[in-house]
N, C-alpha and C. Protein backbone atom coordinates (compact mmCIF):
# COMPACT_ATOMS: atom_id res chain seq x y z
N MET A 1 40.55 -5.27 -27.41
CA MET A 1 39.43 -6.01 -26.86
C MET A 1 38.19 -5.12 -26.85
N ALA A 2 37.08 -5.64 -27.29
CA ALA A 2 35.84 -4.87 -27.38
C ALA A 2 35.24 -4.63 -26.00
N ALA A 3 34.68 -3.45 -25.82
CA ALA A 3 34.02 -3.10 -24.56
C ALA A 3 32.72 -3.87 -24.43
N THR A 4 32.38 -4.23 -23.21
CA THR A 4 31.12 -4.93 -22.94
C THR A 4 30.08 -3.93 -22.46
N VAL A 5 28.89 -4.03 -23.02
CA VAL A 5 27.76 -3.18 -22.65
C VAL A 5 26.65 -4.09 -22.12
N LEU A 6 26.12 -3.76 -20.95
CA LEU A 6 24.99 -4.48 -20.38
C LEU A 6 23.72 -3.74 -20.77
N ILE A 7 22.79 -4.45 -21.39
CA ILE A 7 21.49 -3.88 -21.75
C ILE A 7 20.45 -4.50 -20.82
N VAL A 8 19.71 -3.64 -20.11
CA VAL A 8 18.63 -4.07 -19.22
C VAL A 8 17.34 -3.63 -19.89
N GLU A 9 16.61 -4.58 -20.46
CA GLU A 9 15.42 -4.27 -21.26
C GLU A 9 14.40 -5.39 -21.12
N ASP A 10 13.14 -5.04 -20.84
CA ASP A 10 12.08 -6.03 -20.68
C ASP A 10 11.40 -6.42 -21.98
N GLU A 11 11.49 -5.60 -23.00
CA GLU A 11 10.87 -5.91 -24.29
C GLU A 11 11.87 -6.73 -25.11
N ALA A 12 11.54 -8.01 -25.31
CA ALA A 12 12.47 -8.92 -25.98
C ALA A 12 12.88 -8.44 -27.37
N GLY A 13 11.92 -7.95 -28.14
CA GLY A 13 12.23 -7.49 -29.50
C GLY A 13 13.18 -6.31 -29.51
N LEU A 14 12.94 -5.34 -28.65
CA LEU A 14 13.82 -4.18 -28.58
C LEU A 14 15.19 -4.58 -28.03
N GLY A 15 15.20 -5.44 -27.04
CA GLY A 15 16.48 -5.91 -26.49
C GLY A 15 17.32 -6.59 -27.55
N ALA A 16 16.69 -7.43 -28.37
CA ALA A 16 17.40 -8.12 -29.45
C ALA A 16 17.92 -7.12 -30.49
N LEU A 17 17.11 -6.14 -30.83
CA LEU A 17 17.52 -5.13 -31.81
C LEU A 17 18.71 -4.32 -31.29
N LEU A 18 18.63 -3.85 -30.06
CA LEU A 18 19.72 -3.07 -29.48
C LEU A 18 21.00 -3.90 -29.38
N THR A 19 20.84 -5.17 -29.05
CA THR A 19 21.99 -6.08 -28.99
C THR A 19 22.64 -6.20 -30.36
N ASP A 20 21.83 -6.45 -31.39
CA ASP A 20 22.36 -6.59 -32.75
C ASP A 20 23.08 -5.32 -33.20
N VAL A 21 22.47 -4.17 -32.93
CA VAL A 21 23.06 -2.90 -33.35
C VAL A 21 24.42 -2.69 -32.69
N LEU A 22 24.49 -2.94 -31.39
CA LEU A 22 25.76 -2.73 -30.69
C LEU A 22 26.81 -3.77 -31.07
N GLN A 23 26.39 -5.01 -31.29
CA GLN A 23 27.34 -6.03 -31.73
C GLN A 23 27.90 -5.69 -33.11
N THR A 24 27.05 -5.20 -33.99
CA THR A 24 27.50 -4.79 -35.31
C THR A 24 28.51 -3.64 -35.22
N ALA A 25 28.35 -2.79 -34.21
CA ALA A 25 29.26 -1.67 -33.99
C ALA A 25 30.54 -2.10 -33.27
N GLY A 26 30.65 -3.37 -32.92
CA GLY A 26 31.89 -3.89 -32.35
C GLY A 26 31.91 -4.08 -30.84
N PHE A 27 30.77 -3.94 -30.18
CA PHE A 27 30.71 -4.14 -28.74
C PHE A 27 30.38 -5.59 -28.40
N ASN A 28 30.83 -6.04 -27.24
CA ASN A 28 30.30 -7.26 -26.64
C ASN A 28 29.05 -6.82 -25.89
N VAL A 29 27.98 -7.60 -25.99
CA VAL A 29 26.72 -7.19 -25.37
C VAL A 29 26.17 -8.31 -24.51
N VAL A 30 25.70 -7.94 -23.32
CA VAL A 30 24.99 -8.86 -22.43
C VAL A 30 23.60 -8.27 -22.25
N LEU A 31 22.59 -9.03 -22.63
CA LEU A 31 21.19 -8.60 -22.50
C LEU A 31 20.59 -9.29 -21.29
N THR A 32 19.92 -8.52 -20.44
CA THR A 32 19.32 -9.10 -19.24
C THR A 32 18.05 -8.36 -18.87
N THR A 33 17.40 -8.87 -17.84
CA THR A 33 16.19 -8.26 -17.29
C THR A 33 16.56 -7.49 -16.02
N SER A 34 15.62 -6.70 -15.52
CA SER A 34 15.90 -5.91 -14.32
C SER A 34 16.23 -6.79 -13.12
N GLY A 35 15.60 -7.93 -13.01
CA GLY A 35 15.83 -8.82 -11.88
C GLY A 35 17.21 -9.47 -11.86
N ARG A 36 17.87 -9.53 -13.00
CA ARG A 36 19.19 -10.18 -13.07
C ARG A 36 20.32 -9.19 -13.33
N ALA A 37 20.02 -7.91 -13.40
CA ALA A 37 21.04 -6.92 -13.76
C ALA A 37 22.20 -6.89 -12.77
N GLU A 38 21.90 -6.92 -11.49
CA GLU A 38 22.95 -6.85 -10.48
C GLU A 38 23.92 -8.04 -10.63
N GLU A 39 23.37 -9.22 -10.84
CA GLU A 39 24.20 -10.42 -11.04
C GLU A 39 25.05 -10.30 -12.29
N ARG A 40 24.44 -9.85 -13.37
CA ARG A 40 25.14 -9.74 -14.65
C ARG A 40 26.26 -8.69 -14.61
N VAL A 41 26.03 -7.61 -13.91
CA VAL A 41 27.06 -6.57 -13.85
C VAL A 41 28.28 -7.09 -13.09
N ARG A 42 28.06 -7.94 -12.12
CA ARG A 42 29.18 -8.57 -11.41
C ARG A 42 29.92 -9.56 -12.31
N ASP A 43 29.16 -10.34 -13.07
CA ASP A 43 29.75 -11.39 -13.91
C ASP A 43 30.56 -10.82 -15.07
N PHE A 44 30.09 -9.72 -15.66
CA PHE A 44 30.67 -9.25 -16.92
C PHE A 44 31.41 -7.91 -16.84
N GLU A 45 31.31 -7.21 -15.71
CA GLU A 45 31.98 -5.93 -15.53
C GLU A 45 31.88 -5.04 -16.78
N PRO A 46 30.65 -4.63 -17.13
CA PRO A 46 30.47 -3.85 -18.35
C PRO A 46 31.10 -2.46 -18.27
N ALA A 47 31.45 -1.95 -19.43
CA ALA A 47 32.00 -0.59 -19.54
C ALA A 47 30.88 0.45 -19.50
N ALA A 48 29.65 0.02 -19.80
CA ALA A 48 28.48 0.91 -19.76
C ALA A 48 27.23 0.06 -19.59
N ILE A 49 26.18 0.69 -19.09
CA ILE A 49 24.88 0.04 -18.94
C ILE A 49 23.86 0.85 -19.71
N VAL A 50 23.04 0.16 -20.48
CA VAL A 50 21.89 0.76 -21.15
C VAL A 50 20.67 0.17 -20.47
N THR A 51 19.82 1.03 -19.91
CA THR A 51 18.64 0.51 -19.23
C THR A 51 17.38 1.26 -19.63
N ASP A 52 16.31 0.50 -19.74
CA ASP A 52 14.98 1.07 -19.90
C ASP A 52 14.59 1.65 -18.55
N PHE A 53 13.59 2.51 -18.53
CA PHE A 53 13.13 3.02 -17.24
C PHE A 53 11.95 2.22 -16.73
N MET A 54 10.91 2.09 -17.54
CA MET A 54 9.69 1.39 -17.11
C MET A 54 9.83 -0.10 -17.43
N MET A 55 9.98 -0.90 -16.38
CA MET A 55 10.08 -2.35 -16.52
C MET A 55 9.30 -3.01 -15.39
N PRO A 56 8.82 -4.22 -15.62
CA PRO A 56 8.12 -4.91 -14.54
C PRO A 56 9.09 -5.31 -13.44
N GLY A 57 8.63 -5.27 -12.21
CA GLY A 57 9.44 -5.69 -11.08
C GLY A 57 10.26 -4.56 -10.50
N MET A 58 11.06 -3.92 -11.33
CA MET A 58 11.98 -2.89 -10.86
C MET A 58 12.17 -1.89 -11.98
N ASN A 59 12.11 -0.60 -11.67
CA ASN A 59 12.33 0.38 -12.74
C ASN A 59 13.82 0.65 -12.90
N GLY A 60 14.17 1.43 -13.91
CA GLY A 60 15.56 1.71 -14.20
C GLY A 60 16.31 2.38 -13.07
N ALA A 61 15.64 3.25 -12.32
CA ALA A 61 16.28 3.91 -11.18
C ALA A 61 16.65 2.89 -10.11
N GLU A 62 15.75 1.95 -9.85
CA GLU A 62 16.04 0.92 -8.85
C GLU A 62 17.17 0.00 -9.31
N VAL A 63 17.18 -0.34 -10.59
CA VAL A 63 18.26 -1.17 -11.14
C VAL A 63 19.60 -0.47 -10.93
N VAL A 64 19.67 0.79 -11.31
CA VAL A 64 20.93 1.54 -11.20
C VAL A 64 21.32 1.70 -9.74
N ASP A 65 20.37 1.98 -8.87
CA ASP A 65 20.68 2.10 -7.44
C ASP A 65 21.28 0.81 -6.89
N ASN A 66 20.70 -0.32 -7.25
CA ASN A 66 21.22 -1.61 -6.79
C ASN A 66 22.64 -1.84 -7.29
N ILE A 67 22.88 -1.54 -8.54
CA ILE A 67 24.22 -1.73 -9.11
C ILE A 67 25.23 -0.82 -8.43
N ARG A 68 24.86 0.43 -8.23
CA ARG A 68 25.78 1.38 -7.59
C ARG A 68 26.04 1.03 -6.13
N ARG A 69 25.05 0.47 -5.47
CA ARG A 69 25.24 0.06 -4.08
C ARG A 69 26.27 -1.07 -4.00
N VAL A 70 26.24 -1.97 -4.95
CA VAL A 70 27.16 -3.10 -4.97
C VAL A 70 28.55 -2.68 -5.46
N LEU A 71 28.61 -1.93 -6.55
CA LEU A 71 29.89 -1.61 -7.17
C LEU A 71 30.52 -0.32 -6.66
N LYS A 72 29.75 0.48 -5.96
CA LYS A 72 30.20 1.76 -5.39
C LYS A 72 30.87 2.63 -6.45
N ASP A 73 32.11 2.99 -6.27
CA ASP A 73 32.79 3.93 -7.17
C ASP A 73 33.16 3.33 -8.52
N THR A 74 33.03 2.03 -8.67
CA THR A 74 33.41 1.40 -9.94
C THR A 74 32.21 1.17 -10.85
N ALA A 75 31.04 1.66 -10.47
CA ALA A 75 29.85 1.47 -11.30
C ALA A 75 30.04 2.16 -12.65
N PRO A 76 29.66 1.48 -13.74
CA PRO A 76 29.84 2.05 -15.08
C PRO A 76 28.84 3.16 -15.38
N PRO A 77 29.12 3.96 -16.41
CA PRO A 77 28.17 4.98 -16.85
C PRO A 77 26.87 4.33 -17.33
N VAL A 78 25.79 5.09 -17.22
CA VAL A 78 24.46 4.60 -17.57
C VAL A 78 23.86 5.44 -18.69
N VAL A 79 23.27 4.75 -19.67
CA VAL A 79 22.48 5.39 -20.71
C VAL A 79 21.03 4.95 -20.49
N LEU A 80 20.15 5.90 -20.26
CA LEU A 80 18.74 5.61 -20.03
C LEU A 80 17.97 5.70 -21.33
N VAL A 81 17.14 4.70 -21.61
CA VAL A 81 16.22 4.76 -22.75
C VAL A 81 14.80 4.66 -22.20
N THR A 82 13.94 5.53 -22.70
CA THR A 82 12.57 5.55 -22.20
C THR A 82 11.63 6.14 -23.24
N GLY A 83 10.40 5.74 -23.18
CA GLY A 83 9.37 6.32 -24.03
C GLY A 83 8.62 7.43 -23.33
N MET A 84 8.99 7.72 -22.11
CA MET A 84 8.28 8.71 -21.32
C MET A 84 8.69 10.13 -21.73
N ASP A 85 7.74 11.06 -21.63
CA ASP A 85 7.97 12.44 -22.05
C ASP A 85 9.02 13.16 -21.20
N ASN A 86 9.16 12.77 -19.96
CA ASN A 86 10.09 13.45 -19.06
C ASN A 86 11.45 12.73 -18.99
N ALA A 87 11.95 12.31 -20.14
CA ALA A 87 13.18 11.53 -20.21
C ALA A 87 14.36 12.25 -19.56
N GLU A 88 14.49 13.54 -19.79
CA GLU A 88 15.61 14.28 -19.23
C GLU A 88 15.55 14.28 -17.70
N GLU A 89 14.37 14.48 -17.16
CA GLU A 89 14.19 14.47 -15.70
C GLU A 89 14.48 13.09 -15.12
N LEU A 90 14.00 12.04 -15.79
CA LEU A 90 14.26 10.68 -15.33
C LEU A 90 15.74 10.36 -15.37
N ALA A 91 16.43 10.80 -16.42
CA ALA A 91 17.87 10.57 -16.53
C ALA A 91 18.60 11.23 -15.37
N ALA A 92 18.18 12.42 -14.99
CA ALA A 92 18.80 13.10 -13.86
C ALA A 92 18.53 12.33 -12.56
N THR A 93 17.32 11.82 -12.41
CA THR A 93 16.96 11.03 -11.24
C THR A 93 17.84 9.79 -11.12
N VAL A 94 18.07 9.14 -12.25
CA VAL A 94 18.86 7.91 -12.29
C VAL A 94 20.36 8.21 -12.17
N GLY A 95 20.75 9.42 -12.52
CA GLY A 95 22.17 9.76 -12.56
C GLY A 95 22.80 9.23 -13.83
N ALA A 96 22.01 9.20 -14.89
CA ALA A 96 22.49 8.68 -16.17
C ALA A 96 23.44 9.67 -16.84
N THR A 97 24.40 9.12 -17.55
CA THR A 97 25.35 9.90 -18.33
C THR A 97 24.65 10.54 -19.52
N ALA A 98 23.69 9.78 -20.09
CA ALA A 98 22.96 10.23 -21.28
C ALA A 98 21.60 9.54 -21.30
N TYR A 99 20.74 10.03 -22.18
CA TYR A 99 19.42 9.40 -22.32
C TYR A 99 18.98 9.50 -23.78
N LEU A 100 18.08 8.60 -24.13
CA LEU A 100 17.43 8.61 -25.44
C LEU A 100 15.95 8.37 -25.22
N ARG A 101 15.15 9.13 -25.93
CA ARG A 101 13.70 8.96 -25.85
C ARG A 101 13.25 8.10 -27.02
N LYS A 102 12.51 7.03 -26.70
CA LYS A 102 12.00 6.12 -27.73
C LYS A 102 10.91 6.83 -28.52
N PRO A 103 10.83 6.62 -29.82
CA PRO A 103 11.79 5.89 -30.66
C PRO A 103 13.00 6.77 -30.93
N PHE A 104 14.14 6.14 -31.15
CA PHE A 104 15.37 6.89 -31.40
C PHE A 104 16.12 6.31 -32.59
N ASP A 105 17.00 7.12 -33.13
CA ASP A 105 17.82 6.73 -34.26
C ASP A 105 18.94 5.81 -33.78
N MET A 106 19.15 4.69 -34.46
CA MET A 106 20.15 3.72 -34.03
C MET A 106 21.58 4.25 -34.14
N ASP A 107 21.85 5.12 -35.11
CA ASP A 107 23.19 5.72 -35.18
C ASP A 107 23.44 6.61 -33.96
N ASP A 108 22.41 7.35 -33.53
CA ASP A 108 22.53 8.16 -32.33
C ASP A 108 22.77 7.26 -31.11
N PHE A 109 22.06 6.15 -31.06
CA PHE A 109 22.21 5.19 -29.96
C PHE A 109 23.66 4.70 -29.86
N VAL A 110 24.22 4.27 -30.97
CA VAL A 110 25.60 3.77 -30.97
C VAL A 110 26.56 4.87 -30.54
N HIS A 111 26.36 6.07 -31.05
CA HIS A 111 27.24 7.19 -30.72
C HIS A 111 27.19 7.50 -29.21
N ILE A 112 26.00 7.51 -28.64
CA ILE A 112 25.84 7.82 -27.22
C ILE A 112 26.44 6.72 -26.36
N VAL A 113 26.25 5.47 -26.74
CA VAL A 113 26.85 4.37 -25.99
C VAL A 113 28.37 4.45 -26.07
N GLN A 114 28.90 4.75 -27.25
CA GLN A 114 30.35 4.87 -27.39
C GLN A 114 30.90 5.98 -26.49
N ARG A 115 30.21 7.10 -26.42
CA ARG A 115 30.63 8.19 -25.54
C ARG A 115 30.62 7.73 -24.08
N ALA A 116 29.59 6.99 -23.68
CA ALA A 116 29.51 6.49 -22.31
C ALA A 116 30.67 5.54 -22.01
N VAL A 117 30.96 4.65 -22.94
CA VAL A 117 32.07 3.70 -22.76
C VAL A 117 33.39 4.46 -22.63
N ASN A 118 33.57 5.50 -23.42
CA ASN A 118 34.81 6.28 -23.39
C ASN A 118 34.99 7.05 -22.09
N GLN A 119 33.89 7.29 -21.37
CA GLN A 119 33.97 7.99 -20.08
C GLN A 119 34.52 7.10 -18.98
N ARG A 120 34.45 5.82 -19.20
CA ARG A 120 34.87 4.84 -18.17
C ARG A 120 36.33 4.97 -17.85
């Protein structure tokens, strides 16, 4: 059975691209916005979460905090994607397993997501 990955992304085009890339790599993918991430993580129990940092309404740190508050010790690993220069610092703030700075190579993206899923 394929692992499910939750993608939290406000840019529709990038969200669709990341979804296609991961589906092609054999993952089940659920794409959502920051406002619905907590609900979606309950519904689909993803093996990993990919989240943008800068989003309207709630940033990636707030999304991850909300998910961890609800799921506690069962919260999945997080991969942070951001266009910000301080990506490594933001990933540490979020408690992300890994991070990618936009723009990034899609093969690297798949590899990093696979590693996160395997940590579960």
